[in-house]
């Protein structure tokens, strides 16, 4: 799957247009970094090395207007309170690095200035164009079936390293395949 360019709908409210413009700029940058193999090397800070860790592949599809699709390798360390998420190109280079703590969240794409947000949730929504239940995602990775309004998580294949979560409106599908599944 490839990141698709996104543009604002003329009828969208002003705040929604701003978020979509951010997505319109961010996703092509991620796709370009991905295609170039992530020549630059971004690495999570050393403080995240001792935190819980997952790696593998993820995909996110959002059936909104316009539709979006994104997939990447990932390396996730931490918790909803503090951590780092590195998204990687098919050749193993860094396409993007997200880091967060109580002080806020930062997105770094090679060759671009960092983007800041007040929280991880706000940054993920700005980068993907849709709200993702970040805190619940950490619970799902640990095997806890946390319920989130509007989302349905399928943890039935977690022992085989597969997680899926779906949202009904607007339709979204989040899938993770883990390299290091835990029992």
C-alpha atoms as a PDB file:
ATOM      1  CA  UNK A   1       0.000   0.000   0.000  1.00  0.00           C
ATOM      2  CA  UNK A   2       1.170   3.509  -0.678  1.00  0.00           C
ATOM      3  CA  UNK A   3       0.513   6.740   1.090  1.00  0.00           C
ATOM      4  CA  UNK A   4      -2.020   8.664  -0.957  1.00  0.00           C
ATOM      5  CA  UNK A   5      -1.976  12.424  -1.378  1.00  0.00           C
ATOM      6  CA  UNK A   6      -4.829  14.036   0.500  1.00  0.00           C
ATOM      7  CA  UNK A   7      -6.445  17.376  -0.164  1.00  0.00           C
ATOM      8  CA  UNK A   8      -9.015  19.452   1.651  1.00  0.00           C
ATOM      9  CA  UNK A   9     -12.597  19.350   0.479  1.00  0.00           C
ATOM     10  CA  UNK A  10     -13.934  22.829  -0.365  1.00  0.00           C
ATOM     11  CA  UNK A  11     -16.913  22.232   1.943  1.00  0.00           C
ATOM     12  CA  UNK A  12     -14.805  21.177   4.951  1.00  0.00           C
ATOM     13  CA  UNK A  13     -14.892  23.366   8.087  1.00  0.00           C
ATOM     14  CA  UNK A  14     -11.778  25.536   8.585  1.00  0.00           C
ATOM     15  CA  UNK A  15     -10.236  23.369  11.366  1.00  0.00           C
ATOM     16  CA  UNK A  16     -10.781  20.273   9.277  1.00  0.00           C
ATOM     17  CA  UNK A  17      -9.145  21.968   6.264  1.00  0.00           C
ATOM     18  CA  UNK A  18      -6.046  22.754   8.326  1.00  0.00           C
ATOM     19  CA  UNK A  19      -5.739  19.143   9.485  1.00  0.00           C
ATOM     20  CA  UNK A  20      -6.229  17.852   5.961  1.00  0.00           C
ATOM     21  CA  UNK A  21      -3.629  20.300   4.646  1.00  0.00           C
ATOM     22  CA  UNK A  22      -1.183  18.901   7.216  1.00  0.00           C
ATOM     23  CA  UNK A  23      -2.006  15.387   5.996  1.00  0.00           C
ATOM     24  CA  UNK A  24      -1.726  16.541   2.389  1.00  0.00           C
ATOM     25  CA  UNK A  25       1.806  17.715   3.152  1.00  0.00           C
ATOM     26  CA  UNK A  26       2.835  14.918   5.538  1.00  0.00           C
ATOM     27  CA  UNK A  27       1.796  11.780   3.680  1.00  0.00           C
ATOM     28  CA  UNK A  28       3.585  12.658   0.420  1.00  0.00           C
ATOM     29  CA  UNK A  29       6.689  13.501   2.478  1.00  0.00           C
ATOM     30  CA  UNK A  30       6.491  10.110   4.148  1.00  0.00           C
ATOM     31  CA  UNK A  31       5.961   8.445   0.759  1.00  0.00           C
ATOM     32  CA  UNK A  32       8.948  10.289  -0.720  1.00  0.00           C
ATOM     33  CA  UNK A  33      11.152   9.360   2.222  1.00  0.00           C
ATOM     34  CA  UNK A  34       9.898   5.811   1.891  1.00  0.00           C
ATOM     35  CA  UNK A  35      10.657   5.658  -1.849  1.00  0.00           C
ATOM     36  CA  UNK A  36      14.152   7.076  -1.391  1.00  0.00           C
ATOM     37  CA  UNK A  37      14.962   4.419   1.154  1.00  0.00           C
ATOM     38  CA  UNK A  38      15.202   6.716   4.129  1.00  0.00           C
ATOM     39  CA  UNK A  39      18.737   7.895   3.464  1.00  0.00           C
ATOM     40  CA  UNK A  40      18.841   9.921   6.673  1.00  0.00           C
ATOM     41  CA  UNK A  41      19.163   8.133   9.960  1.00  0.00           C
ATOM     42  CA  UNK A  42      16.794   9.141  12.752  1.00  0.00           C
ATOM     43  CA  UNK A  43      16.868   7.054  15.899  1.00  0.00           C
ATOM     44  CA  UNK A  44      14.729   7.080  19.037  1.00  0.00           C
ATOM     45  CA  UNK A  45      16.337   8.732  22.042  1.00  0.00           C
ATOM     46  CA  UNK A  46      18.400   6.521  24.328  1.00  0.00           C
ATOM     47  CA  UNK A  47      15.856   6.976  27.149  1.00  0.00           C
ATOM     48  CA  UNK A  48      13.334   4.772  25.333  1.00  0.00           C
ATOM     49  CA  UNK A  49      15.621   1.696  25.199  1.00  0.00           C
ATOM     50  CA  UNK A  50      14.368   0.254  28.524  1.00  0.00           C
ATOM     51  CA  UNK A  51      10.647   0.624  27.694  1.00  0.00           C
ATOM     52  CA  UNK A  52       8.282  -2.137  26.441  1.00  0.00           C
ATOM     53  CA  UNK A  53       9.021  -2.884  22.782  1.00  0.00           C
ATOM     54  CA  UNK A  54       7.160  -4.158  19.697  1.00  0.00           C
ATOM     55  CA  UNK A  55       8.225  -4.290  16.066  1.00  0.00           C
ATOM     56  CA  UNK A  56       6.742  -5.493  12.811  1.00  0.00           C
ATOM     57  CA  UNK A  57       4.532  -4.104  10.066  1.00  0.00           C
ATOM     58  CA  UNK A  58       1.431  -1.952  10.275  1.00  0.00           C
ATOM     59  CA  UNK A  59      -1.207  -0.732   7.878  1.00  0.00           C
ATOM     60  CA  UNK A  60      -3.925   1.863   8.296  1.00  0.00           C
ATOM     61  CA  UNK A  61      -6.765   2.359   5.823  1.00  0.00           C
ATOM     62  CA  UNK A  62      -9.290   5.149   6.302  1.00  0.00           C
ATOM     63  CA  UNK A  63     -12.403   5.214   4.104  1.00  0.00           C
ATOM     64  CA  UNK A  64     -13.076   8.897   4.494  1.00  0.00           C
ATOM     65  CA  UNK A  65     -13.192  11.630   1.901  1.00  0.00           C
ATOM     66  CA  UNK A  66     -10.598  11.213   0.497  1.00  0.00           C
ATOM     67  CA  UNK A  67      -9.606   7.620   1.186  1.00  0.00           C
ATOM     68  CA  UNK A  68      -6.185   7.057   2.694  1.00  0.00           C
ATOM     69  CA  UNK A  69      -3.933   4.057   2.930  1.00  0.00           C
ATOM     70  CA  UNK A  70      -0.566   3.731   4.618  1.00  0.00           C
ATOM     71  CA  UNK A  71       1.745   0.874   5.522  1.00  0.00           C
ATOM     72  CA  UNK A  72       5.215   0.721   7.021  1.00  0.00           C
ATOM     73  CA  UNK A  73       7.591  -1.282   9.108  1.00  0.00           C
ATOM     74  CA  UNK A  74       7.547  -0.090  12.698  1.00  0.00           C
ATOM     75  CA  UNK A  75       9.511  -0.164  15.921  1.00  0.00           C
ATOM     76  CA  UNK A  76       7.435   0.941  18.934  1.00  0.00           C
ATOM     77  CA  UNK A  77       8.802   1.482  22.428  1.00  0.00           C
ATOM     78  CA  UNK A  78       7.033   2.768  25.496  1.00  0.00           C
ATOM     79  CA  UNK A  79       3.544   3.498  26.691  1.00  0.00           C
ATOM     80  CA  UNK A  80       0.865   6.104  26.031  1.00  0.00           C
ATOM     81  CA  UNK A  81       2.752   8.419  28.435  1.00  0.00           C
ATOM     82  CA  UNK A  82       6.273   8.171  26.986  1.00  0.00           C
ATOM     83  CA  UNK A  83       7.843   6.480  24.013  1.00  0.00           C
ATOM     84  CA  UNK A  84       8.947   6.439  20.412  1.00  0.00           C
ATOM     85  CA  UNK A  85       7.578   5.065  17.156  1.00  0.00           C
ATOM     86  CA  UNK A  86       9.906   4.672  14.201  1.00  0.00           C
ATOM     87  CA  UNK A  87       8.277   4.045  10.809  1.00  0.00           C
ATOM     88  CA  UNK A  88      10.582   2.365   8.320  1.00  0.00           C
ATOM     89  CA  UNK A  89      10.879   2.081   4.564  1.00  0.00           C
ATOM     90  CA  UNK A  90      10.951  -1.295   2.770  1.00  0.00           C
ATOM     91  CA  UNK A  91      14.770  -1.015   2.711  1.00  0.00           C
ATOM     92  CA  UNK A  92      14.944  -0.415   6.479  1.00  0.00           C
ATOM     93  CA  UNK A  93      15.618   3.323   6.486  1.00  0.00           C
ATOM     94  CA  UNK A  94      13.659   5.672   8.714  1.00  0.00           C
ATOM     95  CA  UNK A  95      10.630   7.253   7.031  1.00  0.00           C
ATOM     96  CA  UNK A  96       9.475   9.041  10.200  1.00  0.00           C
ATOM     97  CA  UNK A  97      10.119   9.162  13.925  1.00  0.00           C
ATOM     98  CA  UNK A  98       7.478  10.071  16.510  1.00  0.00           C
ATOM     99  CA  UNK A  99       8.540  10.706  20.113  1.00  0.00           C
ATOM    100  CA  UNK A 100       6.300  11.708  23.005  1.00  0.00           C
ATOM    101  CA  UNK A 101       6.320  12.424  26.723  1.00  0.00           C
ATOM    102  CA  UNK A 102       4.308  14.485  29.201  1.00  0.00           C
ATOM    103  CA  UNK A 103       5.848  17.588  27.581  1.00  0.00           C
ATOM    104  CA  UNK A 104       4.278  16.878  24.159  1.00  0.00           C
ATOM    105  CA  UNK A 105       4.906  14.987  20.934  1.00  0.00           C
ATOM    106  CA  UNK A 106       7.236  15.473  17.975  1.00  0.00           C
ATOM    107  CA  UNK A 107       7.215  14.072  14.428  1.00  0.00           C
ATOM    108  CA  UNK A 108      10.481  14.076  12.481  1.00  0.00           C
ATOM    109  CA  UNK A 109      10.652  13.189   8.782  1.00  0.00           C
ATOM    110  CA  UNK A 110      14.147  13.063   7.223  1.00  0.00           C
ATOM    111  CA  UNK A 111      14.995  16.349   5.558  1.00  0.00           C
ATOM    112  CA  UNK A 112      12.048  18.239   7.072  1.00  0.00           C
ATOM    113  CA  UNK A 113      11.719  20.398  10.185  1.00  0.00           C
ATOM    114  CA  UNK A 114      10.145  18.649  13.198  1.00  0.00           C
ATOM    115  CA  UNK A 115       6.395  19.023  13.764  1.00  0.00           C
ATOM    116  CA  UNK A 116       5.159  19.475  17.337  1.00  0.00           C
ATOM    117  CA  UNK A 117       1.833  18.730  19.031  1.00  0.00           C
ATOM    118  CA  UNK A 118       0.512  18.900  22.582  1.00  0.00           C
ATOM    119  CA  UNK A 119      -0.059  15.122  22.765  1.00  0.00           C
ATOM    120  CA  UNK A 120       0.623  11.876  20.934  1.00  0.00           C
ATOM    121  CA  UNK A 121      -3.082  11.545  20.068  1.00  0.00           C
ATOM    122  CA  UNK A 122      -3.131  15.007  18.470  1.00  0.00           C
ATOM    123  CA  UNK A 123       0.036  14.299  16.495  1.00  0.00           C
ATOM    124  CA  UNK A 124      -1.209  10.907  15.248  1.00  0.00           C
ATOM    125  CA  UNK A 125      -4.518  12.442  14.197  1.00  0.00           C
ATOM    126  CA  UNK A 126      -2.732  15.281  12.405  1.00  0.00           C
ATOM    127  CA  UNK A 127      -0.343  12.881  10.653  1.00  0.00           C
ATOM    128  CA  UNK A 128      -2.949  10.284   9.628  1.00  0.00           C
ATOM    129  CA  UNK A 129      -6.052  12.439   9.273  1.00  0.00           C
ATOM    130  CA  UNK A 130      -8.018  10.288  11.691  1.00  0.00           C
ATOM    131  CA  UNK A 131      -8.244   9.673  15.428  1.00  0.00           C
ATOM    132  CA  UNK A 132      -6.547   6.433  16.513  1.00  0.00           C
ATOM    133  CA  UNK A 133      -7.088   5.016  20.031  1.00  0.00           C
ATOM    134  CA  UNK A 134      -3.421   5.194  21.030  1.00  0.00           C
ATOM    135  CA  UNK A 135      -3.806   4.240  24.710  1.00  0.00           C
ATOM    136  CA  UNK A 136      -5.994   1.270  23.791  1.00  0.00           C
ATOM    137  CA  UNK A 137      -3.477   0.191  21.151  1.00  0.00           C
ATOM    138  CA  UNK A 138      -0.856  -0.312  23.866  1.00  0.00           C
ATOM    139  CA  UNK A 139      -3.389  -2.360  25.867  1.00  0.00           C
ATOM    140  CA  UNK A 140      -4.226  -4.453  22.789  1.00  0.00           C
ATOM    141  CA  UNK A 141      -0.524  -5.120  22.185  1.00  0.00           C
ATOM    142  CA  UNK A 142      -0.302  -6.407  25.745  1.00  0.00           C
ATOM    143  CA  UNK A 143      -3.395  -8.599  25.255  1.00  0.00           C
ATOM    144  CA  UNK A 144      -5.866  -6.482  27.235  1.00  0.00           C
ATOM    145  CA  UNK A 145      -9.210  -6.177  25.358  1.00  0.00           C
ATOM    146  CA  UNK A 146      -9.799  -2.517  26.187  1.00  0.00           C
ATOM    147  CA  UNK A 147     -13.024  -1.230  24.660  1.00  0.00           C
ATOM    148  CA  UNK A 148     -13.059   2.045  22.739  1.00  0.00           C
ATOM    149  CA  UNK A 149     -16.266   3.663  21.521  1.00  0.00           C
ATOM    150  CA  UNK A 150     -16.618   3.119  17.787  1.00  0.00           C
ATOM    151  CA  UNK A 151     -13.720   0.642  17.521  1.00  0.00           C
ATOM    152  CA  UNK A 152     -13.725  -3.161  17.535  1.00  0.00           C
ATOM    153  CA  UNK A 153     -10.422  -4.867  18.313  1.00  0.00           C
ATOM    154  CA  UNK A 154      -9.766  -8.463  17.270  1.00  0.00           C
ATOM    155  CA  UNK A 155      -7.093  -9.957  19.539  1.00  0.00           C
ATOM    156  CA  UNK A 156      -7.912 -13.576  18.634  1.00  0.00           C
ATOM    157  CA  UNK A 157      -4.638 -13.996  16.687  1.00  0.00           C
ATOM    158  CA  UNK A 158      -2.425 -12.048  19.049  1.00  0.00           C
ATOM    159  CA  UNK A 159      -0.506 -15.193  20.024  1.00  0.00           C
ATOM    160  CA  UNK A 160       0.461 -15.449  16.324  1.00  0.00           C
ATOM    161  CA  UNK A 161       1.521 -11.818  16.260  1.00  0.00           C
ATOM    162  CA  UNK A 162      -1.528 -10.357  14.513  1.00  0.00           C
ATOM    163  CA  UNK A 163      -3.835  -7.601  15.724  1.00  0.00           C
ATOM    164  CA  UNK A 164      -6.677  -5.861  13.937  1.00  0.00           C
ATOM    165  CA  UNK A 165      -8.922  -2.990  14.962  1.00  0.00           C
ATOM    166  CA  UNK A 166     -11.797  -1.598  12.930  1.00  0.00           C
ATOM    167  CA  UNK A 167     -13.807   1.566  13.237  1.00  0.00           C
ATOM    168  CA  UNK A 168     -17.259   1.856  11.699  1.00  0.00           C
ATOM    169  CA  UNK A 169     -17.561   5.635  11.027  1.00  0.00           C
ATOM    170  CA  UNK A 170     -15.664   6.816   9.188  1.00  0.00           C
ATOM    171  CA  UNK A 171     -14.546   3.309   8.343  1.00  0.00           C
ATOM    172  CA  UNK A 172     -10.945   2.589   9.333  1.00  0.00           C
ATOM    173  CA  UNK A 173      -8.910  -0.601   9.484  1.00  0.00           C
ATOM    174  CA  UNK A 174      -5.705  -0.833  11.539  1.00  0.00           C
ATOM    175  CA  UNK A 175      -3.625  -4.017  11.226  1.00  0.00           C
ATOM    176  CA  UNK A 176      -0.389  -4.989  12.905  1.00  0.00           C
ATOM    177  CA  UNK A 177       1.823  -7.995  12.256  1.00  0.00           C
ATOM    178  CA  UNK A 178       4.395  -8.345  15.036  1.00  0.00           C
ATOM    179  CA  UNK A 179       7.919  -9.703  14.673  1.00  0.00           C
ATOM    180  CA  UNK A 180       8.089 -10.379  18.390  1.00  0.00           C
ATOM    181  CA  UNK A 181       4.682 -11.644  19.567  1.00  0.00           C
ATOM    182  CA  UNK A 182       4.433 -12.312  23.279  1.00  0.00           C
ATOM    183  CA  UNK A 183       2.230 -15.050  24.752  1.00  0.00           C
END
